[in-house]
């Protein structure tokens, strides 16, 4: 698992998960409760493991662009 700080109260976790026999890369926001417990939020993305490299390439390509998409 890889943990990346998002802000003071949240972090992004990237981890390998399995669901119904299929492997997924799960990228999910976790938050800290008032009791100090870390909980997953519904904010996230699960991608089949065989598509992870293509997604990473797409993220790198978009990050290198100068402009901003307006949708």
Protein backbone atom coordinates (compact mmCIF):
# COMPACT_ATOMS: atom_id res chain seq x y z
CA UNK A 1 0.00 0.00 0.00
CA UNK A 2 1.11 3.54 -0.76
CA UNK A 3 -0.19 6.47 1.27
CA UNK A 4 -0.12 10.06 0.00
CA UNK A 5 -1.23 13.08 2.02
CA UNK A 6 -4.15 14.91 0.40
CA UNK A 7 -4.65 17.63 3.02
CA UNK A 8 -4.58 17.98 6.82
CA UNK A 9 -7.51 15.62 7.33
CA UNK A 10 -7.32 13.20 4.40
CA UNK A 11 -4.92 10.87 2.64
CA UNK A 12 -5.04 8.92 -0.61
CA UNK A 13 -4.25 5.22 -0.42
CA UNK A 14 -3.28 3.16 -3.44
CA UNK A 15 -3.55 -0.56 -2.83
CA UNK A 16 -4.19 -3.88 -4.51
CA UNK A 17 -7.59 -5.42 -3.80
CA UNK A 18 -9.42 -8.51 -4.95
CA UNK A 19 -13.13 -8.73 -5.70
CA UNK A 20 -14.88 -11.82 -7.07
CA UNK A 21 -11.57 -13.33 -8.11
CA UNK A 22 -10.44 -10.21 -10.05
CA UNK A 23 -7.49 -8.05 -8.96
CA UNK A 24 -8.00 -4.28 -8.78
CA UNK A 25 -5.85 -1.26 -8.05
CA UNK A 26 -7.91 0.77 -5.59
CA UNK A 27 -7.22 4.50 -5.25
CA UNK A 28 -9.29 5.83 -2.37
CA UNK A 29 -9.50 8.85 -0.09
CA UNK A 30 -9.35 8.08 3.62
CA UNK A 31 -10.32 10.53 6.35
CA UNK A 32 -9.67 10.85 10.07
CA UNK A 33 -12.68 10.64 12.39
CA UNK A 34 -13.04 12.82 15.48
CA UNK A 35 -11.98 9.75 17.51
CA UNK A 36 -8.72 9.57 15.54
CA UNK A 37 -9.74 6.53 13.49
CA UNK A 38 -8.95 6.35 9.78
CA UNK A 39 -11.94 5.45 7.58
CA UNK A 40 -12.37 5.01 3.82
CA UNK A 41 -14.59 7.51 2.07
CA UNK A 42 -16.76 6.68 -0.95
CA UNK A 43 -14.42 8.88 -3.01
CA UNK A 44 -12.22 6.64 -5.07
CA UNK A 45 -11.56 4.59 -8.13
CA UNK A 46 -11.00 0.86 -8.61
CA UNK A 47 -9.35 -0.21 -11.88
CA UNK A 48 -8.66 -3.77 -13.01
CA UNK A 49 -4.98 -4.50 -12.46
CA UNK A 50 -4.42 -5.17 -16.17
CA UNK A 51 -5.51 -1.56 -16.93
CA UNK A 52 -3.34 0.09 -14.26
CA UNK A 53 -0.37 0.82 -16.56
CA UNK A 54 -2.62 2.45 -19.17
CA UNK A 55 -4.26 4.60 -16.49
CA UNK A 56 -0.86 5.62 -15.07
CA UNK A 57 0.31 6.57 -18.59
CA UNK A 58 -2.84 8.66 -19.11
CA UNK A 59 -2.31 10.45 -15.77
CA UNK A 60 1.31 11.25 -16.68
CA UNK A 61 0.28 12.52 -20.11
CA UNK A 62 -2.43 14.81 -18.70
CA UNK A 63 -0.07 16.09 -15.98
CA UNK A 64 2.42 17.21 -18.67
CA UNK A 65 -0.19 19.25 -20.55
CA UNK A 66 -0.08 23.02 -20.24
CA UNK A 67 -3.80 23.70 -20.61
CA UNK A 68 -6.83 22.89 -18.49
CA UNK A 69 -9.88 21.00 -19.72
CA UNK A 70 -13.14 22.89 -19.33
CA UNK A 71 -16.08 20.49 -19.03
